[in-house]
């Protein structure tokens, strides 16, 4: 099992053989990890201070290479073992982007909390009147 954590201004991954690798990208001064599963981790890298010049990324933990996620994602909250990234209001499948909310009348403020390997997303809807929600096949 791999573990991830933020260490100072750098995210890192510890491998089962006790080896530890920094998760970064060329030109990055800092990184932060928000989630990891299987061979994938998601988070953010930055070239300036933590309030400026940052990019949301997904790391392939087999290679350590970071790739930018769809810029329409506002955050990277979770990732499943297939590398599918959950943002707060959408799911990114590499070249496909799926907004949460969809065809349910009266849904306001959809917010994803986690994504399973089968594409099930759990979260909430309706802002200050939080109601549990789930989306399938995301």
N, C-alpha and C. Protein backbone atom coordinates (compact mmCIF):
# COMPACT_ATOMS: atom_id res chain seq x y z
N UNK A 1 0.85 -1.18 0.00
CA UNK A 1 0.00 0.00 0.00
C UNK A 1 0.88 1.23 0.00
N UNK A 2 0.50 2.19 -0.81
CA UNK A 2 1.24 3.44 -0.87
C UNK A 2 0.58 4.46 0.04
N UNK A 3 1.39 5.29 0.64
CA UNK A 3 0.87 6.37 1.46
C UNK A 3 1.35 7.68 0.89
N UNK A 4 0.56 8.71 1.08
CA UNK A 4 0.96 10.03 0.62
C UNK A 4 0.79 11.02 1.75
N UNK A 5 1.52 12.09 1.63
CA UNK A 5 1.43 13.10 2.68
C UNK A 5 2.11 14.35 2.19
N UNK A 6 1.83 15.45 2.83
CA UNK A 6 2.56 16.67 2.56
C UNK A 6 3.68 16.79 3.57
N UNK A 7 4.86 17.07 3.12
CA UNK A 7 6.01 17.22 4.01
C UNK A 7 6.60 18.59 3.75
N UNK A 8 6.29 19.56 4.60
CA UNK A 8 6.75 20.91 4.36
C UNK A 8 6.08 21.45 3.12
N UNK A 9 6.89 21.80 2.13
CA UNK A 9 6.35 22.33 0.89
C UNK A 9 6.36 21.30 -0.24
N UNK A 10 6.47 20.04 0.09
CA UNK A 10 6.52 19.01 -0.94
C UNK A 10 5.63 17.84 -0.57
N UNK A 11 4.94 17.31 -1.57
CA UNK A 11 4.21 16.07 -1.38
C UNK A 11 5.14 14.91 -1.68
N UNK A 12 4.87 13.76 -1.11
CA UNK A 12 5.71 12.60 -1.33
C UNK A 12 4.90 11.33 -1.28
N UNK A 13 5.50 10.27 -1.78
CA UNK A 13 4.88 8.95 -1.75
C UNK A 13 5.88 7.97 -1.15
N UNK A 14 5.38 7.12 -0.27
CA UNK A 14 6.21 6.06 0.31
C UNK A 14 5.77 4.74 -0.32
N UNK A 15 6.71 4.03 -0.91
CA UNK A 15 6.44 2.76 -1.59
C UNK A 15 6.51 1.60 -0.59
N UNK A 16 5.93 0.45 -0.95
CA UNK A 16 5.95 -0.70 -0.04
C UNK A 16 7.35 -1.15 0.37
N UNK A 17 8.36 -0.87 -0.46
CA UNK A 17 9.73 -1.24 -0.13
C UNK A 17 10.43 -0.18 0.73
N UNK A 18 9.68 0.77 1.27
CA UNK A 18 10.15 1.85 2.16
C UNK A 18 10.85 2.98 1.42
N UNK A 19 10.96 2.91 0.11
CA UNK A 19 11.51 4.00 -0.68
C UNK A 19 10.54 5.18 -0.65
N UNK A 20 11.06 6.40 -0.60
CA UNK A 20 10.23 7.61 -0.60
C UNK A 20 10.64 8.49 -1.77
N UNK A 21 9.64 8.91 -2.56
CA UNK A 21 9.89 9.80 -3.70
C UNK A 21 9.08 11.08 -3.53
N UNK A 22 9.69 12.22 -3.86
CA UNK A 22 8.96 13.48 -3.88
C UNK A 22 8.02 13.49 -5.07
N UNK A 23 6.86 14.06 -4.90
CA UNK A 23 5.94 14.27 -6.01
C UNK A 23 6.03 15.74 -6.38
N UNK A 24 6.55 16.00 -7.55
CA UNK A 24 6.77 17.36 -8.01
C UNK A 24 6.64 17.37 -9.52
N UNK A 25 7.10 18.42 -10.16
CA UNK A 25 7.10 18.54 -11.62
C UNK A 25 8.18 19.55 -11.99
N UNK A 26 8.67 19.51 -13.22
CA UNK A 26 9.70 20.47 -13.63
C UNK A 26 9.24 21.91 -13.39
N UNK A 27 10.08 22.69 -12.75
CA UNK A 27 9.79 24.09 -12.47
C UNK A 27 8.95 24.35 -11.23
N UNK A 28 8.45 23.31 -10.60
CA UNK A 28 7.61 23.49 -9.41
C UNK A 28 8.47 23.81 -8.19
N UNK A 29 8.00 24.76 -7.38
CA UNK A 29 8.68 25.08 -6.11
C UNK A 29 8.03 24.37 -4.94
N UNK A 30 6.75 23.95 -5.10
CA UNK A 30 6.04 23.28 -4.02
C UNK A 30 4.96 22.38 -4.62
N UNK A 31 4.50 21.45 -3.82
CA UNK A 31 3.42 20.57 -4.24
C UNK A 31 2.59 20.18 -3.02
N UNK A 32 1.34 19.86 -3.27
CA UNK A 32 0.44 19.40 -2.22
C UNK A 32 -0.41 18.28 -2.76
N UNK A 33 -0.61 17.26 -1.97
CA UNK A 33 -1.36 16.08 -2.39
C UNK A 33 -2.71 16.09 -1.69
N UNK A 34 -3.80 15.91 -2.45
CA UNK A 34 -5.13 15.86 -1.84
C UNK A 34 -5.68 14.45 -1.73
N UNK A 35 -5.24 13.53 -2.60
CA UNK A 35 -5.74 12.15 -2.54
C UNK A 35 -4.84 11.24 -3.35
N UNK A 36 -4.88 9.94 -3.01
CA UNK A 36 -4.14 8.94 -3.78
C UNK A 36 -4.88 7.61 -3.69
N UNK A 37 -4.83 6.87 -4.80
CA UNK A 37 -5.40 5.53 -4.81
C UNK A 37 -4.73 4.76 -5.94
N UNK A 38 -4.38 3.52 -5.65
CA UNK A 38 -3.73 2.69 -6.67
C UNK A 38 -2.43 3.33 -7.11
N UNK A 39 -2.29 3.52 -8.41
CA UNK A 39 -1.07 4.12 -8.96
C UNK A 39 -1.23 5.60 -9.27
N UNK A 40 -2.20 6.27 -8.66
CA UNK A 40 -2.48 7.66 -8.97
C UNK A 40 -2.55 8.53 -7.72
N UNK A 41 -2.14 9.78 -7.87
CA UNK A 41 -2.31 10.79 -6.82
C UNK A 41 -2.74 12.08 -7.51
N UNK A 42 -3.49 12.91 -6.80
CA UNK A 42 -3.90 14.21 -7.33
C UNK A 42 -3.57 15.30 -6.33
N UNK A 43 -3.39 16.48 -6.84
CA UNK A 43 -3.08 17.61 -5.97
C UNK A 43 -2.75 18.83 -6.80
N UNK A 44 -1.80 19.60 -6.30
CA UNK A 44 -1.47 20.88 -6.92
C UNK A 44 0.04 21.09 -6.85
N UNK A 45 0.56 21.76 -7.88
CA UNK A 45 1.96 22.20 -7.88
C UNK A 45 1.97 23.71 -8.10
N UNK A 46 3.03 24.36 -7.66
CA UNK A 46 3.12 25.80 -7.85
C UNK A 46 4.52 26.27 -8.11
N UNK A 47 4.62 27.38 -8.85
CA UNK A 47 5.91 27.97 -9.14
C UNK A 47 6.17 29.23 -8.33
N UNK A 48 5.12 29.74 -7.68
CA UNK A 48 5.25 30.94 -6.85
C UNK A 48 4.84 30.62 -5.43
N UNK A 49 4.23 31.59 -4.77
CA UNK A 49 3.73 31.34 -3.43
C UNK A 49 2.49 30.45 -3.53
N UNK A 50 2.00 29.96 -2.40
CA UNK A 50 0.85 29.06 -2.42
C UNK A 50 -0.43 29.74 -2.88
N UNK A 51 -0.45 31.06 -2.96
CA UNK A 51 -1.64 31.79 -3.40
C UNK A 51 -1.62 32.16 -4.88
N UNK A 52 -0.52 31.84 -5.57
CA UNK A 52 -0.40 32.24 -6.97
C UNK A 52 0.28 31.16 -7.79
N UNK A 53 0.09 31.23 -9.09
CA UNK A 53 0.79 30.36 -10.04
C UNK A 53 0.76 28.89 -9.64
N UNK A 54 -0.44 28.33 -9.59
CA UNK A 54 -0.55 26.92 -9.26
C UNK A 54 -1.34 26.18 -10.35
N UNK A 55 -1.08 24.89 -10.45
CA UNK A 55 -1.71 24.03 -11.45
C UNK A 55 -2.18 22.76 -10.77
N UNK A 56 -3.42 22.36 -11.05
CA UNK A 56 -3.94 21.09 -10.55
C UNK A 56 -3.38 19.96 -11.40
N UNK A 57 -2.91 18.90 -10.75
CA UNK A 57 -2.26 17.81 -11.48
C UNK A 57 -2.69 16.44 -10.97
N UNK A 58 -2.41 15.44 -11.82
CA UNK A 58 -2.55 14.03 -11.47
C UNK A 58 -1.17 13.41 -11.71
N UNK A 59 -0.65 12.71 -10.69
CA UNK A 59 0.62 12.03 -10.82
C UNK A 59 0.40 10.55 -11.12
N UNK A 60 1.20 10.00 -12.01
CA UNK A 60 1.29 8.56 -12.21
C UNK A 60 2.37 8.10 -11.24
N UNK A 61 1.99 7.39 -10.19
CA UNK A 61 2.95 7.01 -9.15
C UNK A 61 3.96 5.97 -9.63
N UNK A 62 3.68 5.30 -10.75
CA UNK A 62 4.66 4.35 -11.30
C UNK A 62 5.85 5.08 -11.87
N UNK A 63 5.60 6.27 -12.44
CA UNK A 63 6.67 7.02 -13.10
C UNK A 63 7.03 8.31 -12.36
N UNK A 64 6.14 8.81 -11.52
CA UNK A 64 6.35 10.08 -10.84
C UNK A 64 6.02 11.29 -11.69
N UNK A 65 5.52 11.07 -12.91
CA UNK A 65 5.23 12.16 -13.84
C UNK A 65 3.87 12.79 -13.52
N UNK A 66 3.86 14.13 -13.49
CA UNK A 66 2.63 14.89 -13.25
C UNK A 66 2.09 15.39 -14.57
N UNK A 67 0.77 15.36 -14.71
CA UNK A 67 0.09 15.92 -15.88
C UNK A 67 -1.02 16.84 -15.39
N UNK A 68 -1.17 17.98 -16.02
CA UNK A 68 -2.23 18.92 -15.65
C UNK A 68 -3.60 18.29 -15.91
N UNK A 69 -4.54 18.54 -15.02
CA UNK A 69 -5.91 18.08 -15.23
C UNK A 69 -6.69 19.17 -15.95
N UNK A 70 -7.90 18.87 -16.34
CA UNK A 70 -8.75 19.82 -17.06
C UNK A 70 -8.83 21.12 -16.26
N UNK A 71 -8.50 22.26 -16.88
CA UNK A 71 -8.52 23.53 -16.15
C UNK A 71 -9.90 23.94 -15.65
N UNK A 72 -10.97 23.29 -16.12
CA UNK A 72 -12.31 23.59 -15.63
C UNK A 72 -12.54 23.04 -14.22
N UNK A 73 -11.70 22.10 -13.77
CA UNK A 73 -11.82 21.62 -12.39
C UNK A 73 -11.32 22.73 -11.47
N UNK A 74 -12.04 22.99 -10.43
CA UNK A 74 -11.65 24.02 -9.47
C UNK A 74 -10.73 23.43 -8.40
N UNK A 75 -10.85 22.13 -8.19
CA UNK A 75 -10.08 21.46 -7.15
C UNK A 75 -9.88 20.00 -7.54
N UNK A 76 -8.98 19.33 -6.86
CA UNK A 76 -8.81 17.88 -6.99
C UNK A 76 -9.07 17.29 -5.62
N UNK A 77 -10.26 16.70 -5.46
CA UNK A 77 -10.66 16.19 -4.15
C UNK A 77 -10.38 14.71 -3.98
N UNK A 78 -10.43 13.93 -5.08
CA UNK A 78 -10.24 12.49 -4.97
C UNK A 78 -9.81 11.95 -6.33
N UNK A 79 -9.32 10.72 -6.33
CA UNK A 79 -8.95 10.01 -7.54
C UNK A 79 -9.25 8.54 -7.29
N UNK A 80 -9.68 7.82 -8.33
CA UNK A 80 -9.88 6.39 -8.14
C UNK A 80 -8.71 5.61 -8.74
N UNK A 81 -8.74 4.30 -8.62
CA UNK A 81 -7.59 3.49 -9.05
C UNK A 81 -7.42 3.49 -10.57
N UNK A 82 -8.39 4.00 -11.30
CA UNK A 82 -8.28 4.12 -12.76
C UNK A 82 -7.70 5.47 -13.18
N UNK A 83 -7.48 6.36 -12.21
CA UNK A 83 -6.94 7.68 -12.52
C UNK A 83 -8.00 8.71 -12.81
N UNK A 84 -9.27 8.39 -12.60
CA UNK A 84 -10.35 9.34 -12.79
C UNK A 84 -10.34 10.34 -11.65
N UNK A 85 -10.36 11.63 -11.98
CA UNK A 85 -10.20 12.70 -10.98
C UNK A 85 -11.55 13.32 -10.65
N UNK A 86 -11.82 13.46 -9.35
CA UNK A 86 -13.01 14.15 -8.88
C UNK A 86 -12.64 15.55 -8.42
N UNK A 87 -13.29 16.55 -9.03
CA UNK A 87 -13.21 17.92 -8.56
C UNK A 87 -14.41 18.17 -7.67
N UNK A 88 -14.62 19.39 -7.25
CA UNK A 88 -15.75 19.64 -6.37
C UNK A 88 -17.09 19.54 -7.08
N UNK A 89 -17.15 19.85 -8.37
CA UNK A 89 -18.42 19.83 -9.10
C UNK A 89 -18.36 19.07 -10.42
N UNK A 90 -17.29 18.32 -10.66
CA UNK A 90 -17.15 17.61 -11.92
C UNK A 90 -16.16 16.46 -11.79
N UNK A 91 -16.19 15.57 -12.79
CA UNK A 91 -15.30 14.42 -12.87
C UNK A 91 -14.53 14.51 -14.18
N UNK A 92 -13.22 14.26 -14.13
CA UNK A 92 -12.39 14.28 -15.33
C UNK A 92 -11.89 12.88 -15.62
N UNK A 93 -12.13 12.43 -16.85
CA UNK A 93 -11.69 11.12 -17.32
C UNK A 93 -10.59 11.27 -18.36
N UNK A 94 -9.65 12.12 -18.15
CA UNK A 94 -8.63 12.37 -19.16
C UNK A 94 -9.17 13.32 -20.22
N UNK A 95 -9.79 12.77 -21.28
CA UNK A 95 -10.31 13.62 -22.35
C UNK A 95 -11.81 13.89 -22.23
N UNK A 96 -12.45 13.36 -21.19
CA UNK A 96 -13.89 13.55 -21.01
C UNK A 96 -14.15 14.22 -19.66
N UNK A 97 -15.09 15.17 -19.66
CA UNK A 97 -15.41 15.96 -18.48
C UNK A 97 -16.89 15.80 -18.20
N UNK A 98 -17.26 15.38 -16.97
CA UNK A 98 -18.66 15.15 -16.61
C UNK A 98 -19.01 16.05 -15.42
N UNK A 99 -19.94 16.97 -15.63
CA UNK A 99 -20.39 17.86 -14.55
C UNK A 99 -21.35 17.11 -13.64
N UNK A 100 -21.24 17.33 -12.32
CA UNK A 100 -22.20 16.77 -11.37
C UNK A 100 -23.46 17.61 -11.39
N UNK A 101 -24.52 17.11 -10.88
CA UNK A 101 -25.79 17.83 -10.87
C UNK A 101 -26.72 17.20 -11.87
N UNK A 102 -26.51 17.52 -13.12
CA UNK A 102 -27.21 16.87 -14.21
C UNK A 102 -28.68 17.15 -14.29
N UNK A 103 -29.44 16.11 -14.55
CA UNK A 103 -30.85 16.23 -14.92
C UNK A 103 -31.80 16.13 -13.74
N UNK A 104 -31.36 16.38 -12.54
CA UNK A 104 -32.24 16.31 -11.37
C UNK A 104 -32.81 17.69 -11.11
N UNK A 105 -34.13 17.87 -11.23
CA UNK A 105 -34.72 19.19 -11.00
C UNK A 105 -34.45 19.69 -9.57
N UNK A 106 -34.16 20.96 -9.46
CA UNK A 106 -33.98 21.58 -8.15
C UNK A 106 -32.63 21.38 -7.51
N UNK A 107 -31.71 20.71 -8.20
CA UNK A 107 -30.38 20.51 -7.62
C UNK A 107 -29.59 21.80 -7.71
N UNK A 108 -29.10 22.23 -6.56
CA UNK A 108 -28.23 23.39 -6.50
C UNK A 108 -26.95 22.99 -5.79
N UNK A 109 -25.89 23.61 -6.16
CA UNK A 109 -24.62 23.44 -5.47
C UNK A 109 -24.21 21.98 -5.29
N UNK A 110 -24.08 21.21 -6.36
CA UNK A 110 -23.58 19.84 -6.19
C UNK A 110 -22.13 19.89 -5.73
N UNK A 111 -21.77 18.99 -4.84
CA UNK A 111 -20.40 18.96 -4.33
C UNK A 111 -19.99 17.51 -4.11
N UNK A 112 -18.95 17.07 -4.82
CA UNK A 112 -18.46 15.70 -4.69
C UNK A 112 -17.49 15.56 -3.53
N UNK A 113 -17.57 14.44 -2.84
CA UNK A 113 -16.66 14.17 -1.72
C UNK A 113 -15.69 13.04 -2.04
N UNK A 114 -16.16 12.03 -2.78
CA UNK A 114 -15.30 10.89 -3.07
C UNK A 114 -15.79 10.15 -4.30
N UNK A 115 -14.85 9.44 -4.96
CA UNK A 115 -15.19 8.65 -6.15
C UNK A 115 -14.67 7.23 -5.98
N UNK A 116 -15.53 6.27 -6.29
CA UNK A 116 -15.17 4.85 -6.20
C UNK A 116 -14.61 4.38 -7.55
N UNK A 117 -14.02 3.20 -7.54
CA UNK A 117 -13.45 2.66 -8.76
C UNK A 117 -14.49 2.40 -9.84
N UNK A 118 -15.75 2.18 -9.46
CA UNK A 118 -16.81 1.94 -10.45
C UNK A 118 -17.46 3.23 -10.95
N UNK A 119 -16.94 4.40 -10.57
CA UNK A 119 -17.46 5.68 -11.03
C UNK A 119 -18.54 6.28 -10.15
N UNK A 120 -18.90 5.60 -9.07
CA UNK A 120 -19.88 6.15 -8.13
C UNK A 120 -19.26 7.33 -7.39
N UNK A 121 -19.95 8.46 -7.40
CA UNK A 121 -19.51 9.65 -6.68
C UNK A 121 -20.49 9.89 -5.54
N UNK A 122 -19.98 10.15 -4.36
CA UNK A 122 -20.82 10.53 -3.23
C UNK A 122 -20.51 11.98 -2.89
N UNK A 123 -21.53 12.68 -2.39
CA UNK A 123 -21.36 14.08 -2.06
C UNK A 123 -22.62 14.66 -1.48
N UNK A 124 -22.86 15.92 -1.80
CA UNK A 124 -24.04 16.60 -1.26
C UNK A 124 -24.58 17.56 -2.32
N UNK A 125 -25.81 18.01 -2.08
CA UNK A 125 -26.44 19.00 -2.94
C UNK A 125 -27.13 20.06 -2.08
N UNK A 126 -27.48 21.15 -2.69
CA UNK A 126 -28.30 22.22 -2.12
C UNK A 126 -27.62 23.04 -1.02
N UNK A 127 -26.33 23.25 -1.15
CA UNK A 127 -25.60 24.22 -0.34
C UNK A 127 -25.84 24.16 1.15
N UNK A 128 -26.43 25.23 1.72
CA UNK A 128 -26.60 25.32 3.17
C UNK A 128 -27.61 24.31 3.71
N UNK A 129 -28.44 23.77 2.86
CA UNK A 129 -29.39 22.71 3.27
C UNK A 129 -28.85 21.38 2.77
N UNK A 130 -27.69 21.03 3.21
CA UNK A 130 -26.99 19.85 2.72
C UNK A 130 -27.88 18.61 2.71
N UNK A 131 -27.89 17.98 1.58
CA UNK A 131 -28.57 16.70 1.44
C UNK A 131 -27.58 15.74 0.82
N UNK A 132 -27.45 14.54 1.37
CA UNK A 132 -26.55 13.57 0.77
C UNK A 132 -26.97 13.28 -0.67
N UNK A 133 -25.98 13.02 -1.52
CA UNK A 133 -26.26 12.73 -2.92
C UNK A 133 -25.27 11.70 -3.43
N UNK A 134 -25.65 11.03 -4.50
CA UNK A 134 -24.72 10.15 -5.19
C UNK A 134 -24.99 10.23 -6.67
N UNK A 135 -23.95 10.07 -7.43
CA UNK A 135 -24.04 10.07 -8.87
C UNK A 135 -23.41 8.77 -9.35
N UNK A 136 -24.06 8.09 -10.30
CA UNK A 136 -23.53 6.82 -10.80
C UNK A 136 -22.98 7.01 -12.20
N UNK A 137 -22.09 6.12 -12.58
CA UNK A 137 -21.49 6.11 -13.92
C UNK A 137 -20.79 7.40 -14.28
N UNK A 138 -20.15 8.02 -13.32
CA UNK A 138 -19.42 9.26 -13.60
C UNK A 138 -18.04 8.97 -14.17
